Amino acid sequence: MSAAAPPELDLRLKLAQIDQALASHDMMRVQSDTLRIQQDQLRADADRKRQEMRFAPWLIVTSSMGTGAALFAAAFAFARLFQ
């Protein structure tokens, strides 16, 4: 028969195992929180990109209209110069 460990030693071993499990749980909790934060940041970036893609055609239209208006004004001023 094998000799059993004294109850005091067994209790310390169990407490050490519990402390180790709690530390592991805390580490997992921190990793979970950081992953959740990264996921939220990626969602925000995706929403921003989606919004930029939605307004990209309007940006082209407005810049083209501005360029056309500037060219028209320059041509008009040039024509007025020779009148």
PDB file of N, CA and C in Angstrom:
ATOM      1  N   MET A   1       0.834  -1.183   0.000  1.00  0.00           N
ATOM      2  CA  MET A   1       0.000   0.000   0.000  1.00  0.00           C
ATOM      3  C   MET A   1       0.882   1.251   0.000  1.00  0.00           C
ATOM      4  N   SER A   2       0.390   2.259  -0.678  1.00  0.00           N
ATOM      5  CA  SER A   2       1.139   3.502  -0.715  1.00  0.00           C
ATOM      6  C   SER A   2       0.666   4.416   0.400  1.00  0.00           C
ATOM      7  N   ALA A   3       1.576   5.206   0.852  1.00  0.00           N
ATOM      8  CA  ALA A   3       1.242   6.124   1.941  1.00  0.00           C
ATOM      9  C   ALA A   3       0.560   7.346   1.357  1.00  0.00           C
ATOM     10  N   ALA A   4      -0.506   7.761   1.968  1.00  0.00           N
ATOM     11  CA  ALA A   4      -1.238   8.951   1.514  1.00  0.00           C
ATOM     12  C   ALA A   4      -0.514  10.196   1.994  1.00  0.00           C
ATOM     13  N   ALA A   5      -0.642  11.274   1.195  1.00  0.00           N
ATOM     14  CA  ALA A   5      -0.009  12.538   1.573  1.00  0.00           C
ATOM     15  C   ALA A   5      -0.734  13.110   2.784  1.00  0.00           C
ATOM     16  N   PRO A   6       0.008  13.819   3.626  1.00  0.00           N
ATOM     17  CA  PRO A   6      -0.650  14.433   4.776  1.00  0.00           C
ATOM     18  C   PRO A   6      -1.735  15.404   4.305  1.00  0.00           C
ATOM     19  N   PRO A   7      -2.805  15.567   5.060  1.00  0.00           N
ATOM     20  CA  PRO A   7      -3.909  16.441   4.637  1.00  0.00           C
ATOM     21  C   PRO A   7      -3.471  17.875   4.391  1.00  0.00           C
ATOM     22  N   GLU A   8      -2.487  18.359   5.162  1.00  0.00           N
ATOM     23  CA  GLU A   8      -2.029  19.731   4.984  1.00  0.00           C
ATOM     24  C   GLU A   8      -1.363  19.901   3.622  1.00  0.00           C
ATOM     25  N   LEU A   9      -0.553  18.947   3.204  1.00  0.00           N
ATOM     26  CA  LEU A   9       0.132  18.986   1.918  1.00  0.00           C
ATOM     27  C   LEU A   9      -0.879  18.850   0.777  1.00  0.00           C
ATOM     28  N   ASP A  10      -1.847  17.967   0.966  1.00  0.00           N
ATOM     29  CA  ASP A  10      -2.888  17.779  -0.043  1.00  0.00           C
ATOM     30  C   ASP A  10      -3.702  19.060  -0.226  1.00  0.00           C
ATOM     31  N   LEU A  11      -3.984  19.751   0.870  1.00  0.00           N
ATOM     32  CA  LEU A  11      -4.745  20.998   0.803  1.00  0.00           C
ATOM     33  C   LEU A  11      -3.946  22.077   0.078  1.00  0.00           C
ATOM     34  N   ARG A  12      -2.641  22.144   0.363  1.00  0.00           N
ATOM     35  CA  ARG A  12      -1.804  23.129  -0.333  1.00  0.00           C
ATOM     36  C   ARG A  12      -1.721  22.834  -1.816  1.00  0.00           C
ATOM     37  N   LEU A  13      -1.664  21.573  -2.172  1.00  0.00           N
ATOM     38  CA  LEU A  13      -1.643  21.182  -3.576  1.00  0.00           C
ATOM     39  C   LEU A  13      -2.934  21.589  -4.269  1.00  0.00           C
ATOM     40  N   LYS A  14      -4.057  21.356  -3.609  1.00  0.00           N
ATOM     41  CA  LYS A  14      -5.342  21.738  -4.194  1.00  0.00           C
ATOM     42  C   LYS A  14      -5.451  23.254  -4.341  1.00  0.00           C
ATOM     43  N   LEU A  15      -4.978  24.006  -3.351  1.00  0.00           N
ATOM     44  CA  LEU A  15      -4.996  25.471  -3.441  1.00  0.00           C
ATOM     45  C   LEU A  15      -4.104  25.967  -4.576  1.00  0.00           C
ATOM     46  N   ALA A  16      -2.959  25.334  -4.764  1.00  0.00           N
ATOM     47  CA  ALA A  16      -2.071  25.714  -5.864  1.00  0.00           C
ATOM     48  C   ALA A  16      -2.735  25.437  -7.211  1.00  0.00           C
ATOM     49  N   GLN A  17      -3.432  24.316  -7.319  1.00  0.00           N
ATOM     50  CA  GLN A  17      -4.140  24.002  -8.557  1.00  0.00           C
ATOM     51  C   GLN A  17      -5.251  25.002  -8.815  1.00  0.00           C
ATOM     52  N   ILE A  18      -5.960  25.404  -7.763  1.00  0.00           N
ATOM     53  CA  ILE A  18      -7.036  26.386  -7.910  1.00  0.00           C
ATOM     54  C   ILE A  18      -6.457  27.738  -8.341  1.00  0.00           C
ATOM     55  N   ASP A  19      -5.363  28.151  -7.719  1.00  0.00           N
ATOM     56  CA  ASP A  19      -4.721  29.415  -8.103  1.00  0.00           C
ATOM     57  C   ASP A  19      -4.260  29.378  -9.552  1.00  0.00           C
ATOM     58  N   GLN A  20      -3.712  28.265  -9.971  1.00  0.00           N
ATOM     59  CA  GLN A  20      -3.257  28.118 -11.360  1.00  0.00           C
ATOM     60  C   GLN A  20      -4.448  28.177 -12.315  1.00  0.00           C
ATOM     61  N   ALA A  21      -5.541  27.559 -11.956  1.00  0.00           N
ATOM     62  CA  ALA A  21      -6.740  27.587 -12.801  1.00  0.00           C
ATOM     63  C   ALA A  21      -7.306  28.998 -12.884  1.00  0.00           C
ATOM     64  N   LEU A  22      -7.305  29.727 -11.767  1.00  0.00           N
ATOM     65  CA  LEU A  22      -7.791  31.108 -11.780  1.00  0.00           C
ATOM     66  C   LEU A  22      -6.900  32.005 -12.633  1.00  0.00           C
ATOM     67  N   ALA A  23      -5.584  31.818 -12.540  1.00  0.00           N
ATOM     68  CA  ALA A  23      -4.665  32.605 -13.359  1.00  0.00           C
ATOM     69  C   ALA A  23      -4.873  32.300 -14.841  1.00  0.00           C
ATOM     70  N   SER A  24      -5.070  31.040 -15.155  1.00  0.00           N
ATOM     71  CA  SER A  24      -5.328  30.657 -16.543  1.00  0.00           C
ATOM     72  C   SER A  24      -6.644  31.265 -17.032  1.00  0.00           C
ATOM     73  N   HIS A  25      -7.637  31.269 -16.174  1.00  0.00           N
ATOM     74  CA  HIS A  25      -8.936  31.854 -16.535  1.00  0.00           C
ATOM     75  C   HIS A  25      -8.801  33.350 -16.783  1.00  0.00           C
ATOM     76  N   ASP A  26      -8.049  34.031 -15.916  1.00  0.00           N
ATOM     77  CA  ASP A  26      -7.845  35.473 -16.097  1.00  0.00           C
ATOM     78  C   ASP A  26      -7.121  35.772 -17.407  1.00  0.00           C
ATOM     79  N   MET A  27      -6.120  34.948 -17.746  1.00  0.00           N
ATOM     80  CA  MET A  27      -5.398  35.139 -18.994  1.00  0.00           C
ATOM     81  C   MET A  27      -6.323  34.933 -20.199  1.00  0.00           C
ATOM     82  N   MET A  28      -7.148  33.912 -20.117  1.00  0.00           N
ATOM     83  CA  MET A  28      -8.107  33.665 -21.202  1.00  0.00           C
ATOM     84  C   MET A  28      -9.104  34.822 -21.325  1.00  0.00           C
ATOM     85  N   ARG A  29      -9.510  35.380 -20.200  1.00  0.00           N
ATOM     86  CA  ARG A  29     -10.443  36.505 -20.211  1.00  0.00           C
ATOM     87  C   ARG A  29      -9.819  37.713 -20.891  1.00  0.00           C
ATOM     88  N   VAL A  30      -8.554  37.994 -20.604  1.00  0.00           N
ATOM     89  CA  VAL A  30      -7.855  39.116 -21.221  1.00  0.00           C
ATOM     90  C   VAL A  30      -7.730  38.887 -22.732  1.00  0.00           C
ATOM     91  N   GLN A  31      -7.371  37.680 -23.126  1.00  0.00           N
ATOM     92  CA  GLN A  31      -7.263  37.377 -24.555  1.00  0.00           C
ATOM     93  C   GLN A  31      -8.614  37.524 -25.249  1.00  0.00           C
ATOM     94  N   SER A  32      -9.667  37.088 -24.598  1.00  0.00           N
ATOM     95  CA  SER A  32     -11.008  37.210 -25.162  1.00  0.00           C
ATOM     96  C   SER A  32     -11.388  38.677 -25.334  1.00  0.00           C
ATOM     97  N   ASP A  33     -11.054  39.495 -24.333  1.00  0.00           N
ATOM     98  CA  ASP A  33     -11.369  40.922 -24.423  1.00  0.00           C
ATOM     99  C   ASP A  33     -10.594  41.599 -25.546  1.00  0.00           C
ATOM    100  N   THR A  34      -9.304  41.249 -25.693  1.00  0.00           N
ATOM    101  CA  THR A  34      -8.524  41.860 -26.769  1.00  0.00           C
ATOM    102  C   THR A  34      -9.043  41.428 -28.140  1.00  0.00           C
ATOM    103  N   LEU A  35      -9.444  40.180 -28.265  1.00  0.00           N
ATOM    104  CA  LEU A  35     -10.009  39.730 -29.535  1.00  0.00           C
ATOM    105  C   LEU A  35     -11.324  40.435 -29.827  1.00  0.00           C
ATOM    106  N   ARG A  36     -12.127  40.661 -28.811  1.00  0.00           N
ATOM    107  CA  ARG A  36     -13.397  41.368 -29.002  1.00  0.00           C
ATOM    108  C   ARG A  36     -13.151  42.811 -29.437  1.00  0.00           C
ATOM    109  N   ILE A  37     -12.141  43.451 -28.850  1.00  0.00           N
ATOM    110  CA  ILE A  37     -11.803  44.826 -29.226  1.00  0.00           C
ATOM    111  C   ILE A  37     -11.312  44.871 -30.672  1.00  0.00           C
ATOM    112  N   GLN A  38     -10.464  43.938 -31.055  1.00  0.00           N
ATOM    113  CA  GLN A  38      -9.980  43.887 -32.440  1.00  0.00           C
ATOM    114  C   GLN A  38     -11.126  43.652 -33.414  1.00  0.00           C
ATOM    115  N   GLN A  39     -12.063  42.809 -33.017  1.00  0.00           N
ATOM    116  CA  GLN A  39     -13.212  42.532 -33.877  1.00  0.00           C
ATOM    117  C   GLN A  39     -14.066  43.787 -34.051  1.00  0.00           C
ATOM    118  N   ASP A  40     -14.258  44.546 -32.980  1.00  0.00           N
ATOM    119  CA  ASP A  40     -15.015  45.793 -33.083  1.00  0.00           C
ATOM    120  C   ASP A  40     -14.309  46.801 -33.983  1.00  0.00           C
ATOM    121  N   GLN A  41     -12.982  46.866 -33.878  1.00  0.00           N
ATOM    122  CA  GLN A  41     -12.221  47.777 -34.733  1.00  0.00           C
ATOM    123  C   GLN A  41     -12.326  47.371 -36.202  1.00  0.00           C
ATOM    124  N   LEU A  42     -12.274  46.077 -36.472  1.00  0.00           N
ATOM    125  CA  LEU A  42     -12.398  45.613 -37.855  1.00  0.00           C
ATOM    126  C   LEU A  42     -13.790  45.895 -38.409  1.00  0.00           C
ATOM    127  N   ARG A  43     -14.816  45.741 -37.562  1.00  0.00           N
ATOM    128  CA  ARG A  43     -16.170  46.084 -38.013  1.00  0.00           C
ATOM    129  C   ARG A  43     -16.290  47.564 -38.346  1.00  0.00           C
ATOM    130  N   ALA A  44     -15.700  48.417 -37.505  1.00  0.00           N
ATOM    131  CA  ALA A  44     -15.741  49.860 -37.756  1.00  0.00           C
ATOM    132  C   ALA A  44     -15.008  50.196 -39.055  1.00  0.00           C
ATOM    133  N   ASP A  45     -13.855  49.572 -39.284  1.00  0.00           N
ATOM    134  CA  ASP A  45     -13.117  49.803 -40.527  1.00  0.00           C
ATOM    135  C   ASP A  45     -13.920  49.345 -41.744  1.00  0.00           C
ATOM    136  N   ALA A  46     -14.585  48.217 -41.629  1.00  0.00           N
ATOM    137  CA  ALA A  46     -15.391  47.712 -42.742  1.00  0.00           C
ATOM    138  C   ALA A  46     -16.561  48.651 -43.025  1.00  0.00           C
ATOM    139  N   ASP A  47     -17.191  49.161 -41.974  1.00  0.00           N
ATOM    140  CA  ASP A  47     -18.290  50.108 -42.176  1.00  0.00           C
ATOM    141  C   ASP A  47     -17.802  51.386 -42.841  1.00  0.00           C
ATOM    142  N   ARG A  48     -16.635  51.860 -42.419  1.00  0.00           N
ATOM    143  CA  ARG A  48     -16.074  53.074 -43.008  1.00  0.00           C
ATOM    144  C   ARG A  48     -15.765  52.858 -44.489  1.00  0.00           C
ATOM    145  N   LYS A  49     -15.162  51.713 -44.803  1.00  0.00           N
ATOM    146  CA  LYS A  49     -14.850  51.413 -46.206  1.00  0.00           C
ATOM    147  C   LYS A  49     -16.122  51.293 -47.044  1.00  0.00           C
ATOM    148  N   ARG A  50     -17.141  50.664 -46.471  1.00  0.00           N
ATOM    149  CA  ARG A  50     -18.405  50.518 -47.189  1.00  0.00           C
ATOM    150  C   ARG A  50     -19.019  51.885 -47.475  1.00  0.00           C
ATOM    151  N   GLN A  51     -18.937  52.794 -46.509  1.00  0.00           N
ATOM    152  CA  GLN A  51     -19.477  54.130 -46.702  1.00  0.00           C
ATOM    153  C   GLN A  51     -18.674  54.886 -47.759  1.00  0.00           C
ATOM    154  N   GLU A  52     -17.349  54.742 -47.721  1.00  0.00           N
ATOM    155  CA  GLU A  52     -16.519  55.393 -48.737  1.00  0.00           C
ATOM    156  C   GLU A  52     -16.835  54.869 -50.133  1.00  0.00           C
ATOM    157  N   MET A  53     -17.062  53.561 -50.246  1.00  0.00           N
ATOM    158  CA  MET A  53     -17.386  52.980 -51.554  1.00  0.00           C
ATOM    159  C   MET A  53     -18.740  53.476 -52.041  1.00  0.00           C
ATOM    160  N   ARG A  54     -19.661  53.715 -51.116  1.00  0.00           N
ATOM    161  CA  ARG A  54     -20.981  54.170 -51.519  1.00  0.00           C
ATOM    162  C   ARG A  54     -20.932  55.598 -52.049  1.00  0.00           C
ATOM    163  N   PHE A  55     -20.037  56.438 -51.495  1.00  0.00           N
ATOM    164  CA  PHE A  55     -19.971  57.829 -51.922  1.00  0.00           C
ATOM    165  C   PHE A  55     -18.921  58.090 -52.996  1.00  0.00           C
ATOM    166  N   ALA A  56     -18.168  57.092 -53.406  1.00  0.00           N
ATOM    167  CA  ALA A  56     -17.124  57.283 -54.407  1.00  0.00           C
ATOM    168  C   ALA A  56     -17.668  57.780 -55.748  1.00  0.00           C
ATOM    169  N   PRO A  57     -18.772  57.232 -56.280  1.00  0.00           N
ATOM    170  CA  PRO A  57     -19.289  57.770 -57.547  1.00  0.00           C
ATOM    171  C   PRO A  57     -19.707  59.227 -57.439  1.00  0.00           C
ATOM    172  N   TRP A  58     -20.273  59.620 -56.316  1.00  0.00           N
ATOM    173  CA  TRP A  58     -20.676  61.016 -56.141  1.00  0.00           C
ATOM    174  C   TRP A  58     -19.462  61.928 -56.074  1.00  0.00           C
ATOM    175  N   LEU A  59     -18.380  61.449 -55.535  1.00  0.00           N
ATOM    176  CA  LEU A  59     -17.156  62.234 -55.490  1.00  0.00           C
ATOM    177  C   LEU A  59     -16.650  62.495 -56.907  1.00  0.00           C
ATOM    178  N   ILE A  60     -16.728  61.501 -57.765  1.00  0.00           N
ATOM    179  CA  ILE A  60     -16.310  61.666 -59.162  1.00  0.00           C
ATOM    180  C   ILE A  60     -17.221  62.657 -59.871  1.00  0.00           C
ATOM    181  N   VAL A  61     -18.514  62.546 -59.635  1.00  0.00           N
ATOM    182  CA  VAL A  61     -19.479  63.455 -60.286  1.00  0.00           C
ATOM    183  C   VAL A  61     -19.227  64.890 -59.865  1.00  0.00           C
ATOM    184  N   THR A  62     -19.099  65.129 -58.566  1.00  0.00           N
ATOM    185  CA  THR A  62     -18.923  66.511 -58.106  1.00  0.00           C
ATOM    186  C   THR A  62     -17.584  67.091 -58.546  1.00  0.00           C
ATOM    187  N   SER A  63     -16.530  66.299 -58.545  1.00  0.00           N
ATOM    188  CA  SER A  63     -15.241  66.824 -59.000  1.00  0.00           C
ATOM    189  C   SER A  63     -15.269  67.092 -60.501  1.00  0.00           C
ATOM    190  N   SER A  64     -15.967  66.269 -61.255  1.00  0.00           N
ATOM    191  CA  SER A  64     -16.091  66.501 -62.706  1.00  0.00           C
ATOM    192  C   SER A  64     -16.897  67.761 -62.982  1.00  0.00           C
ATOM    193  N   MET A  65     -17.955  67.956 -62.214  1.00  0.00           N
ATOM    194  CA  MET A  65     -18.759  69.171 -62.397  1.00  0.00           C
ATOM    195  C   MET A  65     -17.943  70.414 -62.041  1.00  0.00           C
ATOM    196  N   GLY A  66     -17.140  70.338 -60.987  1.00  0.00           N
ATOM    197  CA  GLY A  66     -16.295  71.472 -60.610  1.00  0.00           C
ATOM    198  C   GLY A  66     -15.249  71.767 -61.662  1.00  0.00           C
ATOM    199  N   THR A  67     -14.659  70.721 -62.208  1.00  0.00           N
ATOM    200  CA  THR A  67     -13.663  70.901 -63.265  1.00  0.00           C
ATOM    201  C   THR A  67     -14.302  71.503 -64.508  1.00  0.00           C
ATOM    202  N   GLY A  68     -15.469  71.014 -64.858  1.00  0.00           N
ATOM    203  CA  GLY A  68     -16.179  71.565 -66.017  1.00  0.00           C
ATOM    204  C   GLY A  68     -16.538  73.023 -65.816  1.00  0.00           C
ATOM    205  N   ALA A  69     -16.987  73.370 -64.623  1.00  0.00           N
ATOM    206  CA  ALA A  69     -17.331  74.763 -64.350  1.00  0.00           C
ATOM    207  C   ALA A  69     -16.091  75.652 -64.416  1.00  0.00           C
ATOM    208  N   ALA A  70     -14.970  75.176 -63.914  1.00  0.00           N
ATOM    209  CA  ALA A  70     -13.730  75.963 -63.966  1.00  0.00           C
ATOM    210  C   ALA A  70     -13.270  76.154 -65.404  1.00  0.00           C
ATOM    211  N   LEU A  71     -13.347  75.110 -66.209  1.00  0.00           N
ATOM    212  CA  LEU A  71     -12.969  75.242 -67.632  1.00  0.00           C
ATOM    213  C   LEU A  71     -13.913  76.185 -68.372  1.00  0.00           C
ATOM    214  N   PHE A  72     -15.191  76.100 -68.078  1.00  0.00           N
ATOM    215  CA  PHE A  72     -16.164  77.001 -68.719  1.00  0.00           C
ATOM    216  C   PHE A  72     -15.860  78.445 -68.329  1.00  0.00           C
ATOM    217  N   ALA A  73     -15.579  78.699 -67.057  1.00  0.00           N
ATOM    218  CA  ALA A  73     -15.274  80.060 -66.615  1.00  0.00           C
ATOM    219  C   ALA A  73     -13.987  80.566 -67.259  1.00  0.00           C
ATOM    220  N   ALA A  74     -12.991  79.696 -67.387  1.00  0.00           N
ATOM    221  CA  ALA A  74     -11.741  80.107 -68.024  1.00  0.00           C
ATOM    222  C   ALA A  74     -11.969  80.413 -69.504  1.00  0.00           C
ATOM    223  N   ALA A  75     -12.745  79.592 -70.183  1.00  0.00           N
ATOM    224  CA  ALA A  75     -13.032  79.836 -71.599  1.00  0.00           C
ATOM    225  C   ALA A  75     -13.835  81.117 -71.764  1.00  0.00           C
ATOM    226  N   PHE A  76     -14.791  81.357 -70.876  1.00  0.00           N
ATOM    227  CA  PHE A  76     -15.589  82.556 -70.944  1.00  0.00           C
ATOM    228  C   PHE A  76     -14.717  83.788 -70.719  1.00  0.00           C
ATOM    229  N   ALA A  77     -13.809  83.736 -69.747  1.00  0.00           N
ATOM    230  CA  ALA A  77     -12.904  84.866 -69.488  1.00  0.00           C
ATOM    231  C   ALA A  77     -11.969  85.073 -70.667  1.00  0.00           C
ATOM    232  N   PHE A  78     -11.507  84.006 -71.280  1.00  0.00           N
ATOM    233  CA  PHE A  78     -10.633  84.117 -72.435  1.00  0.00           C
ATOM    234  C   PHE A  78     -11.383  84.754 -73.612  1.00  0.00           C
ATOM    235  N   ALA A  79     -12.664  84.365 -73.790  1.00  0.00           N
ATOM    236  CA  ALA A  79     -13.465  84.931 -74.883  1.00  0.00           C
ATOM    237  C   ALA A  79     -13.742  86.396 -74.628  1.00  0.00           C
ATOM    238  N   ARG A  80     -13.969  86.759 -73.358  1.00  0.00           N
ATOM    239  CA  ARG A  80     -14.236  88.153 -73.020  1.00  0.00           C
ATOM    240  C   ARG A  80     -12.985  89.015 -73.233  1.00  0.00           C
ATOM    241  N   LEU A  81     -11.823  88.402 -73.158  1.00  0.00           N
ATOM    242  CA  LEU A  81     -10.581  89.109 -73.305  1.00  0.00           C
ATOM    243  C   LEU A  81     -10.438  89.670 -74.718  1.00  0.00           C
ATOM    244  N   PHE A  82     -10.978  88.966 -75.704  1.00  0.00           N
ATOM    245  CA  PHE A  82     -10.834  89.373 -77.099  1.00  0.00           C
ATOM    246  C   PHE A  82     -12.038  90.122 -77.630  1.00  0.00           C
ATOM    247  N   GLN A  83     -12.973  90.474 -76.813  1.00  0.00           N
ATOM    248  CA  GLN A  83     -14.121  91.240 -77.311  1.00  0.00           C
ATOM    249  C   GLN A  83     -13.891  92.707 -77.256  1.00  0.00           C
TER     250      GLN A  83
END
